[in-house]
């Protein structure tokens, strides 16, 4: 009976033990670094605190989403298109001191304001606009101000 196979097995077993001890040592160091200054109860409190923080962030996120929706709705109704056309309505007098200005939202709703200047007076007119058209007759300059 030869002792040589048993010695090789013993060496392999010893090498495996050394490798396993090294792995355990490395893991122990990582756990010690993770739990540095902490014990099981304080680590549990940290995890619970993080859970509460996540819930708080989710609530704030929901509030921000609601606020953003309201802001988008308000923006949709706000004036987004302003165009001014200057012109001379009376060819025999004055210059381009008359104007028409369109104030429209995203859907083309709003108002067209026109000012007609002559030597003896200034007249101002306002016409409501719904979807880029008006129930009142529009001049060529007012139509030009409504162009997209």
C-alpha atoms as a PDB file:
ATOM      1  CA  UNK A   1       0.000   0.000   0.000  1.00  0.00           C
ATOM      2  CA  UNK A   2       1.418   3.320  -1.080  1.00  0.00           C
ATOM      3  CA  UNK A   3       1.190   6.524   0.921  1.00  0.00           C
ATOM      4  CA  UNK A   4       1.743   8.668  -2.106  1.00  0.00           C
ATOM      5  CA  UNK A   5      -1.938   8.962  -3.308  1.00  0.00           C
ATOM      6  CA  UNK A   6      -3.044   9.723   0.232  1.00  0.00           C
ATOM      7  CA  UNK A   7      -0.411  12.467   0.596  1.00  0.00           C
ATOM      8  CA  UNK A   8      -1.469  14.056  -2.718  1.00  0.00           C
ATOM      9  CA  UNK A   9      -5.085  14.017  -1.514  1.00  0.00           C
ATOM     10  CA  UNK A  10      -3.981  15.573   1.764  1.00  0.00           C
ATOM     11  CA  UNK A  11      -2.118  18.342  -0.093  1.00  0.00           C
ATOM     12  CA  UNK A  12      -5.128  19.026  -2.336  1.00  0.00           C
ATOM     13  CA  UNK A  13      -7.397  19.118   0.702  1.00  0.00           C
ATOM     14  CA  UNK A  14      -4.976  21.520   2.453  1.00  0.00           C
ATOM     15  CA  UNK A  15      -4.816  23.787  -0.628  1.00  0.00           C
ATOM     16  CA  UNK A  16      -8.623  23.844  -0.838  1.00  0.00           C
ATOM     17  CA  UNK A  17      -8.797  24.768   2.853  1.00  0.00           C
ATOM     18  CA  UNK A  18      -6.327  27.636   2.366  1.00  0.00           C
ATOM     19  CA  UNK A  19      -8.321  28.961  -0.634  1.00  0.00           C
ATOM     20  CA  UNK A  20     -11.576  28.728   1.327  1.00  0.00           C
ATOM     21  CA  UNK A  21     -10.012  30.518   4.306  1.00  0.00           C
ATOM     22  CA  UNK A  22      -8.808  33.302   1.984  1.00  0.00           C
ATOM     23  CA  UNK A  23     -12.313  33.694   0.509  1.00  0.00           C
ATOM     24  CA  UNK A  24     -13.867  33.780   3.999  1.00  0.00           C
ATOM     25  CA  UNK A  25     -11.284  36.367   5.097  1.00  0.00           C
ATOM     26  CA  UNK A  26     -12.040  38.581   2.067  1.00  0.00           C
ATOM     27  CA  UNK A  27     -15.794  38.311   2.659  1.00  0.00           C
ATOM     28  CA  UNK A  28     -15.350  39.123   6.361  1.00  0.00           C
ATOM     29  CA  UNK A  29     -13.418  42.284   5.431  1.00  0.00           C
ATOM     30  CA  UNK A  30     -16.142  43.350   2.966  1.00  0.00           C
ATOM     31  CA  UNK A  31     -18.891  42.792   5.547  1.00  0.00           C
ATOM     32  CA  UNK A  32     -16.886  44.661   8.191  1.00  0.00           C
ATOM     33  CA  UNK A  33     -16.423  47.568   5.769  1.00  0.00           C
ATOM     34  CA  UNK A  34     -20.166  47.552   4.957  1.00  0.00           C
ATOM     35  CA  UNK A  35     -21.187  47.475   8.599  1.00  0.00           C
ATOM     36  CA  UNK A  36     -18.475  49.822   9.845  1.00  0.00           C
ATOM     37  CA  UNK A  37     -19.899  51.609  12.887  1.00  0.00           C
ATOM     38  CA  UNK A  38     -23.224  49.828  12.493  1.00  0.00           C
ATOM     39  CA  UNK A  39     -24.910  46.996  14.227  1.00  0.00           C
ATOM     40  CA  UNK A  40     -27.876  44.940  13.094  1.00  0.00           C
ATOM     41  CA  UNK A  41     -30.511  47.264  14.593  1.00  0.00           C
ATOM     42  CA  UNK A  42     -28.933  50.452  13.215  1.00  0.00           C
ATOM     43  CA  UNK A  43     -28.569  48.828   9.788  1.00  0.00           C
ATOM     44  CA  UNK A  44     -32.253  47.890   9.888  1.00  0.00           C
ATOM     45  CA  UNK A  45     -33.093  51.517  10.756  1.00  0.00           C
ATOM     46  CA  UNK A  46     -31.014  52.714   7.804  1.00  0.00           C
ATOM     47  CA  UNK A  47     -32.906  50.390   5.461  1.00  0.00           C
ATOM     48  CA  UNK A  48     -36.264  51.529   6.896  1.00  0.00           C
ATOM     49  CA  UNK A  49     -35.202  55.165   6.538  1.00  0.00           C
ATOM     50  CA  UNK A  50     -34.300  54.592   2.905  1.00  0.00           C
ATOM     51  CA  UNK A  51     -37.724  52.988   2.344  1.00  0.00           C
ATOM     52  CA  UNK A  52     -39.448  56.057   3.846  1.00  0.00           C
ATOM     53  CA  UNK A  53     -37.308  58.335   1.682  1.00  0.00           C
ATOM     54  CA  UNK A  54     -38.331  56.413  -1.440  1.00  0.00           C
ATOM     55  CA  UNK A  55     -42.020  56.830  -0.504  1.00  0.00           C
ATOM     56  CA  UNK A  56     -41.487  60.564   0.051  1.00  0.00           C
ATOM     57  CA  UNK A  57     -39.796  60.897  -3.335  1.00  0.00           C
ATOM     58  CA  UNK A  58     -42.695  59.047  -4.996  1.00  0.00           C
ATOM     59  CA  UNK A  59     -45.201  61.442  -3.373  1.00  0.00           C
ATOM     60  CA  UNK A  60     -43.217  64.487  -4.519  1.00  0.00           C
ATOM     61  CA  UNK A  61     -42.987  62.962  -7.992  1.00  0.00           C
ATOM     62  CA  UNK A  62     -46.790  62.572  -8.097  1.00  0.00           C
ATOM     63  CA  UNK A  63     -47.222  66.215  -7.048  1.00  0.00           C
ATOM     64  CA  UNK A  64     -44.793  67.344  -9.740  1.00  0.00           C
ATOM     65  CA  UNK A  65     -46.660  65.329 -12.376  1.00  0.00           C
ATOM     66  CA  UNK A  66     -49.988  66.921 -11.350  1.00  0.00           C
ATOM     67  CA  UNK A  67     -48.433  70.393 -11.394  1.00  0.00           C
ATOM     68  CA  UNK A  68     -46.868  69.765 -14.804  1.00  0.00           C
ATOM     69  CA  UNK A  69     -50.226  68.631 -16.204  1.00  0.00           C
ATOM     70  CA  UNK A  70     -51.883  71.811 -14.898  1.00  0.00           C
ATOM     71  CA  UNK A  71     -49.068  73.944 -16.347  1.00  0.00           C
ATOM     72  CA  UNK A  72     -49.364  72.284 -19.752  1.00  0.00           C
ATOM     73  CA  UNK A  73     -53.104  72.976 -19.740  1.00  0.00           C
ATOM     74  CA  UNK A  74     -52.515  76.632 -18.853  1.00  0.00           C
ATOM     75  CA  UNK A  75     -49.783  76.940 -21.469  1.00  0.00           C
ATOM     76  CA  UNK A  76     -52.113  75.497 -24.101  1.00  0.00           C
ATOM     77  CA  UNK A  77     -54.568  78.356 -23.404  1.00  0.00           C
ATOM     78  CA  UNK A  78     -51.947  81.123 -23.197  1.00  0.00           C
ATOM     79  CA  UNK A  79     -51.039  83.548 -25.968  1.00  0.00           C
ATOM     80  CA  UNK A  80     -48.446  81.882 -28.159  1.00  0.00           C
ATOM     81  CA  UNK A  81     -48.836  83.680 -31.473  1.00  0.00           C
ATOM     82  CA  UNK A  82     -48.463  87.459 -31.758  1.00  0.00           C
ATOM     83  CA  UNK A  83     -48.142  89.025 -35.174  1.00  0.00           C
ATOM     84  CA  UNK A  84     -48.359  92.702 -36.112  1.00  0.00           C
ATOM     85  CA  UNK A  85     -48.960  94.067 -39.593  1.00  0.00           C
ATOM     86  CA  UNK A  86     -48.436  97.793 -40.247  1.00  0.00           C
ATOM     87  CA  UNK A  87     -50.240  99.383 -43.175  1.00  0.00           C
ATOM     88  CA  UNK A  88     -51.606 102.621 -44.636  1.00  0.00           C
ATOM     89  CA  UNK A  89     -55.418 102.420 -44.976  1.00  0.00           C
ATOM     90  CA  UNK A  90     -55.715 105.804 -46.687  1.00  0.00           C
ATOM     91  CA  UNK A  91     -53.466 105.990 -49.734  1.00  0.00           C
ATOM     92  CA  UNK A  92     -53.779 109.776 -50.106  1.00  0.00           C
ATOM     93  CA  UNK A  93     -52.595 110.688 -46.603  1.00  0.00           C
ATOM     94  CA  UNK A  94     -50.253 109.578 -43.823  1.00  0.00           C
ATOM     95  CA  UNK A  95     -47.901 106.648 -43.683  1.00  0.00           C
ATOM     96  CA  UNK A  96     -47.864 103.138 -42.228  1.00  0.00           C
ATOM     97  CA  UNK A  97     -49.056 104.250 -38.797  1.00  0.00           C
ATOM     98  CA  UNK A  98     -52.084 101.971 -38.769  1.00  0.00           C
ATOM     99  CA  UNK A  99     -51.630  98.418 -37.581  1.00  0.00           C
ATOM    100  CA  UNK A 100     -53.383  95.190 -36.779  1.00  0.00           C
ATOM    101  CA  UNK A 101     -52.129  92.705 -34.185  1.00  0.00           C
ATOM    102  CA  UNK A 102     -53.324  89.150 -33.605  1.00  0.00           C
ATOM    103  CA  UNK A 103     -53.033  87.554 -30.142  1.00  0.00           C
ATOM    104  CA  UNK A 104     -53.746  83.813 -30.412  1.00  0.00           C
ATOM    105  CA  UNK A 105     -53.345  80.677 -28.318  1.00  0.00           C
ATOM    106  CA  UNK A 106     -52.209  77.258 -29.571  1.00  0.00           C
ATOM    107  CA  UNK A 107     -55.627  76.506 -31.098  1.00  0.00           C
ATOM    108  CA  UNK A 108     -55.934  79.845 -32.908  1.00  0.00           C
ATOM    109  CA  UNK A 109     -58.325  81.403 -30.385  1.00  0.00           C
ATOM    110  CA  UNK A 110     -57.895  84.990 -29.235  1.00  0.00           C
ATOM    111  CA  UNK A 111     -58.390  88.491 -30.572  1.00  0.00           C
ATOM    112  CA  UNK A 112     -57.345  90.744 -33.444  1.00  0.00           C
ATOM    113  CA  UNK A 113     -56.870  94.404 -32.536  1.00  0.00           C
ATOM    114  CA  UNK A 114     -56.709  96.985 -35.319  1.00  0.00           C
ATOM    115  CA  UNK A 115     -55.826 100.653 -35.103  1.00  0.00           C
ATOM    116  CA  UNK A 116     -56.652 102.942 -38.027  1.00  0.00           C
ATOM    117  CA  UNK A 117     -54.761 106.222 -37.993  1.00  0.00           C
ATOM    118  CA  UNK A 118     -55.809 109.317 -39.904  1.00  0.00           C
ATOM    119  CA  UNK A 119     -54.881 112.992 -39.418  1.00  0.00           C
ATOM    120  CA  UNK A 120     -57.949 113.883 -37.412  1.00  0.00           C
ATOM    121  CA  UNK A 121     -58.556 110.676 -35.398  1.00  0.00           C
ATOM    122  CA  UNK A 122     -57.463 107.189 -34.404  1.00  0.00           C
ATOM    123  CA  UNK A 123     -59.972 104.323 -34.384  1.00  0.00           C
ATOM    124  CA  UNK A 124     -59.367 101.043 -32.545  1.00  0.00           C
ATOM    125  CA  UNK A 125     -61.274  97.822 -33.265  1.00  0.00           C
ATOM    126  CA  UNK A 126     -61.162  94.411 -31.597  1.00  0.00           C
ATOM    127  CA  UNK A 127     -62.539  91.240 -33.146  1.00  0.00           C
ATOM    128  CA  UNK A 128     -62.762  87.867 -31.392  1.00  0.00           C
ATOM    129  CA  UNK A 129     -61.063  84.953 -33.135  1.00  0.00           C
ATOM    130  CA  UNK A 130     -62.022  81.305 -32.848  1.00  0.00           C
ATOM    131  CA  UNK A 131     -59.870  78.709 -34.641  1.00  0.00           C
ATOM    132  CA  UNK A 132     -58.188  81.362 -36.827  1.00  0.00           C
ATOM    133  CA  UNK A 133     -61.524  82.764 -38.041  1.00  0.00           C
ATOM    134  CA  UNK A 134     -63.904  85.438 -36.787  1.00  0.00           C
ATOM    135  CA  UNK A 135     -67.647  85.946 -36.989  1.00  0.00           C
ATOM    136  CA  UNK A 136     -66.846  89.540 -37.991  1.00  0.00           C
ATOM    137  CA  UNK A 137     -65.575  90.418 -41.444  1.00  0.00           C
ATOM    138  CA  UNK A 138     -61.794  90.600 -41.466  1.00  0.00           C
ATOM    139  CA  UNK A 139     -59.694  92.971 -43.549  1.00  0.00           C
ATOM    140  CA  UNK A 140     -56.791  91.665 -45.653  1.00  0.00           C
ATOM    141  CA  UNK A 141     -54.330  92.932 -43.024  1.00  0.00           C
ATOM    142  CA  UNK A 142     -56.231  91.173 -40.226  1.00  0.00           C
ATOM    143  CA  UNK A 143     -56.264  87.957 -42.248  1.00  0.00           C
ATOM    144  CA  UNK A 144     -52.515  88.319 -42.795  1.00  0.00           C
ATOM    145  CA  UNK A 145     -51.979  88.719 -39.029  1.00  0.00           C
ATOM    146  CA  UNK A 146     -53.905  85.481 -38.463  1.00  0.00           C
ATOM    147  CA  UNK A 147     -51.747  83.434 -40.822  1.00  0.00           C
ATOM    148  CA  UNK A 148     -49.897  80.635 -39.046  1.00  0.00           C
END
